[in-house]
Protein backbone atom coordinates (compact mmCIF):
# COMPACT_ATOMS: atom_id res chain seq x y z
CA UNK A 1 43.49 5.46 46.61
CA UNK A 2 44.48 5.57 42.96
CA UNK A 3 42.32 7.22 40.30
CA UNK A 4 42.60 6.51 36.58
CA UNK A 5 41.69 9.18 34.05
CA UNK A 6 40.88 7.31 30.86
CA UNK A 7 40.93 9.63 27.85
CA UNK A 8 38.25 8.64 25.34
CA UNK A 9 37.21 11.91 23.68
CA UNK A 10 39.50 11.88 20.64
CA UNK A 11 38.13 11.81 17.11
CA UNK A 12 40.60 9.37 15.60
CA UNK A 13 40.58 11.06 12.21
CA UNK A 14 43.68 9.16 11.03
CA UNK A 15 41.75 5.90 11.34
CA UNK A 16 39.29 7.03 8.64
CA UNK A 17 36.50 5.51 10.70
CA UNK A 18 32.96 6.88 10.69
CA UNK A 19 32.90 7.19 14.50
CA UNK A 20 35.34 7.63 17.36
CA UNK A 21 37.93 4.88 16.93
CA UNK A 22 37.54 3.74 20.54
CA UNK A 23 34.10 2.44 19.52
CA UNK A 24 35.66 0.05 17.00
CA UNK A 25 35.21 -3.52 18.14
CA UNK A 26 37.50 -6.51 18.45
CA UNK A 27 35.75 -9.77 19.33
CA UNK A 28 32.49 -7.86 19.89
CA UNK A 29 34.12 -5.62 22.49
CA UNK A 30 34.79 -1.89 21.90
CA UNK A 31 38.42 -0.85 22.12
CA UNK A 32 37.94 1.35 25.17
CA UNK A 33 36.71 -1.59 27.25
CA UNK A 34 40.05 -3.40 27.03
CA UNK A 35 42.02 -0.86 29.07
CA UNK A 36 38.96 0.04 31.18
CA UNK A 37 38.48 -3.57 32.27
CA UNK A 38 42.18 -3.93 33.02
CA UNK A 39 42.18 -0.91 35.33
CA UNK A 40 38.93 -1.98 37.00
CA UNK A 41 40.50 -5.35 37.84
CA UNK A 42 42.81 -3.47 40.22
CA UNK A 43 39.93 -1.82 42.04
CA UNK A 44 40.95 1.69 40.93
CA UNK A 45 38.55 4.59 40.70
CA UNK A 46 38.11 5.23 36.95
CA UNK A 47 36.96 8.46 35.34
CA UNK A 48 36.19 8.15 31.62
CA UNK A 49 36.58 11.40 29.71
CA UNK A 50 34.24 11.15 26.73
CA UNK A 51 32.96 13.25 23.86
CA UNK A 52 29.34 14.47 24.19
CA UNK A 53 28.58 13.00 20.76
CA UNK A 54 29.55 9.54 22.05
CA UNK A 55 27.50 9.77 25.26
CA UNK A 56 24.65 7.52 24.10
CA UNK A 57 27.13 4.91 22.81
CA UNK A 58 29.18 4.76 25.99
CA UNK A 59 27.47 5.94 29.20
CA UNK A 60 24.65 3.31 29.29
CA UNK A 61 27.28 0.57 29.03
CA UNK A 62 29.70 1.78 31.70
CA UNK A 63 29.84 -0.19 34.96
CA UNK A 64 27.96 1.61 37.74
CA UNK A 65 31.13 2.34 39.70
CA UNK A 66 32.75 4.19 36.77
CA UNK A 67 32.54 7.99 36.68
CA UNK A 68 32.50 10.04 33.50
CA UNK A 69 32.95 13.62 32.39
CA UNK A 70 33.20 15.38 29.05
CA UNK A 71 36.34 16.27 27.17
CA UNK A 72 37.38 19.76 26.16
CA UNK A 73 38.73 21.38 23.04
CA UNK A 74 42.28 20.11 23.57
CA UNK A 75 43.76 17.08 25.32
CA UNK A 76 44.82 19.25 28.25
CA UNK A 77 41.26 20.46 28.79
CA UNK A 78 40.07 16.85 28.84
CA UNK A 79 42.68 15.76 31.38
CA UNK A 80 41.86 18.75 33.59
CA UNK A 81 38.16 17.88 33.54
CA UNK A 82 39.04 14.36 34.59
CA UNK A 83 41.32 15.60 37.38
CA UNK A 84 38.45 17.65 38.80
CA UNK A 85 36.41 14.45 39.14
CA UNK A 86 39.20 12.34 40.63
CA UNK A 87 39.29 11.60 44.35
CA UNK A 88 42.45 9.50 44.61
CA UNK A 89 45.74 10.53 46.17
CA UNK A 90 47.46 9.55 42.93
CA UNK A 91 46.30 9.62 39.34
CA UNK A 92 47.18 7.51 36.33
CA UNK A 93 46.38 9.26 33.06
CA UNK A 94 45.94 6.88 30.15
CA UNK A 95 44.97 7.08 26.48
CA UNK A 96 42.19 4.56 25.84
CA UNK A 97 43.61 4.10 22.34
CA UNK A 98 46.45 2.24 24.08
CA UNK A 99 44.08 -0.65 24.62
CA UNK A 100 46.57 -3.38 25.48
CA UNK A 101 48.23 -1.98 28.60
CA UNK A 102 49.42 -4.96 30.65
CA UNK A 103 48.80 -5.76 34.30
CA UNK A 104 52.55 -6.21 34.76
CA UNK A 105 53.18 -2.64 33.63
CA UNK A 106 50.49 -1.31 35.96
CA UNK A 107 51.90 -3.33 38.87
CA UNK A 108 55.33 -1.87 38.11
CA UNK A 109 53.87 1.64 38.27
CA UNK A 110 52.09 0.94 41.54
CA UNK A 111 55.24 -0.41 43.18
CA UNK A 112 57.17 2.73 42.23
CA UNK A 113 54.68 5.37 43.42
CA UNK A 114 56.07 7.82 45.96
CA UNK A 115 55.00 11.25 47.22
CA UNK A 116 58.05 13.02 45.78
CA UNK A 117 58.12 11.66 42.24
CA UNK A 118 56.12 11.24 39.05
CA UNK A 119 56.18 8.28 36.67
CA UNK A 120 56.56 8.27 32.90
CA UNK A 121 56.00 5.05 31.01
CA UNK A 122 57.91 4.90 27.77
CA UNK A 123 58.88 2.77 24.83
CA UNK A 124 62.42 2.48 23.49
CA UNK A 125 63.06 4.14 20.15
CA UNK A 126 63.78 1.52 17.49
CA UNK A 127 64.36 3.74 14.46
CA UNK A 128 67.17 6.17 13.75
CA UNK A 129 65.77 9.64 14.38
CA UNK A 130 66.96 12.62 12.36
CA UNK A 131 66.31 16.25 13.26
CA UNK A 132 65.71 18.72 10.43
CA UNK A 133 67.63 21.94 11.09
CA UNK A 134 68.41 25.08 9.09
CA UNK A 135 71.82 23.57 8.38
CA UNK A 136 70.50 20.22 7.23
CA UNK A 137 69.96 16.92 9.03
CA UNK A 138 71.16 16.10 12.53
CA UNK A 139 71.21 12.43 13.50
CA UNK A 140 70.21 11.97 17.15
CA UNK A 141 71.67 9.32 19.44
CA UNK A 142 69.08 6.61 19.62
CA UNK A 143 70.26 5.30 22.99
CA UNK A 144 69.40 8.70 24.51
CA UNK A 145 65.84 8.79 23.12
CA UNK A 146 62.58 7.36 24.40
CA UNK A 147 58.99 7.62 23.19
CA UNK A 148 56.56 8.81 25.86
CA UNK A 149 53.68 6.43 26.49
CA UNK A 150 50.86 6.18 29.03
CA UNK A 151 49.87 5.72 31.83
CA UNK A 152 51.62 8.74 33.32
CA UNK A 153 51.35 9.03 37.07
CA UNK A 154 51.76 11.60 39.85
CA UNK A 155 50.10 12.85 43.00
CA UNK A 156 46.70 14.23 42.07
CA UNK A 157 47.29 17.63 43.69
CA UNK A 158 50.60 18.08 41.83
CA UNK A 159 49.09 17.10 38.48
CA UNK A 160 46.02 19.27 39.06
CA UNK A 161 48.13 22.33 39.90
CA UNK A 162 50.43 21.73 36.91
CA UNK A 163 47.45 21.51 34.55
CA UNK A 164 45.80 24.56 36.07
CA UNK A 165 48.96 26.62 35.52
CA UNK A 166 49.48 25.23 32.04
CA UNK A 167 45.96 26.08 30.94
CA UNK A 168 46.12 29.53 32.50
CA UNK A 169 49.37 30.25 30.64
CA UNK A 170 47.95 28.76 27.41
CA UNK A 171 50.91 26.39 27.10
CA UNK A 172 50.78 23.84 24.31
CA UNK A 173 51.69 20.34 25.49
CA UNK A 174 51.06 16.79 24.31
CA UNK A 175 51.72 14.77 27.46
CA UNK A 176 51.24 15.13 31.20
CA UNK A 177 54.78 14.80 32.51
CA UNK A 178 55.95 17.71 30.34
CA UNK A 179 53.92 20.05 32.56
CA UNK A 180 55.57 18.68 35.69
CA UNK A 181 58.94 19.10 34.01
CA UNK A 182 58.12 22.76 33.38
CA UNK A 183 56.50 23.78 36.67
CA UNK A 184 58.28 21.37 39.02
CA UNK A 185 61.79 21.06 37.54
CA UNK A 186 63.20 19.55 40.74
CA UNK A 187 60.54 16.84 40.86
CA UNK A 188 61.96 13.38 40.23
CA UNK A 189 60.63 11.58 37.14
CA UNK A 190 60.85 7.79 37.27
CA UNK A 191 60.95 5.90 33.98
CA UNK A 192 59.12 2.62 33.51
CA UNK A 193 59.18 0.74 30.22
CA UNK A 194 55.71 -0.05 28.89
CA UNK A 195 54.83 -3.42 27.45
CA UNK A 196 55.31 -3.54 23.68
CA UNK A 197 51.58 -4.10 23.13
CA UNK A 198 50.82 -0.70 24.71
CA UNK A 199 51.14 1.06 21.36
CA UNK A 200 48.61 3.72 20.41
CA UNK A 201 45.98 2.46 17.98
CA UNK A 202 46.00 5.33 15.52
CA UNK A 203 45.81 3.88 12.02
CA UNK A 204 44.12 0.93 10.34
CA UNK A 205 47.37 -1.04 10.53
CA UNK A 206 47.52 -0.46 14.30
CA UNK A 207 43.96 -1.75 14.63
CA UNK A 208 44.71 -4.88 12.62
CA UNK A 209 47.81 -5.56 14.74
CA UNK A 210 45.85 -5.14 17.98
CA UNK A 211 43.14 -7.45 16.61
CA UNK A 212 45.71 -10.10 15.74
CA UNK A 213 47.33 -9.88 19.20
CA UNK A 214 44.00 -10.18 21.01
CA UNK A 215 42.86 -13.11 18.87
CA UNK A 216 46.21 -14.86 19.37
CA UNK A 217 45.94 -14.45 23.15
CA UNK A 218 42.39 -15.79 23.15
CA UNK A 219 43.49 -18.84 21.17
CA UNK A 220 46.32 -19.74 23.56
């Protein structure tokens, strides 16, 4: 069985929205429901990790087969809480702000799951990236760079142990695979390119782009 940990507890301060940005609606549907409904269409177990302040706005509207738990102070705490609720052999950890994850991408992940590897979805880097150093600027080779995306996938027991060790050691991290890289350096990481629409809805411009894409799809 596959479990999905859907992270929904962020504040979304860069959106300048009065509430959690995942509650913003497109076509009378809150953002979090887009990825949630996509994962549910596969029959996965889904654990929504929510903020206590959003409980009344979310929990009554979740399908009965969807679990939920509360997020922690940091992203890592939230993922760990979700892992404790998960029952699947494998977990997919996904940011609900990436509302437009495609079924093709998920199918690609499923077909590449193995016991001895983890999966990182990514997006190619389009811009030239420059590193600021003490000696000035260092231009990085774009063809050697990728932008980490979600879902990120691994065996549940491996991910749970990696998070437990990371939290115990008070390690700062911003994605899930980085913990596997640290604690399981010999573990194979498979790379799967995410669909272009799987961008993180962070700013007002991101929201407007997602809205336009959804409305275009509905009009086709």
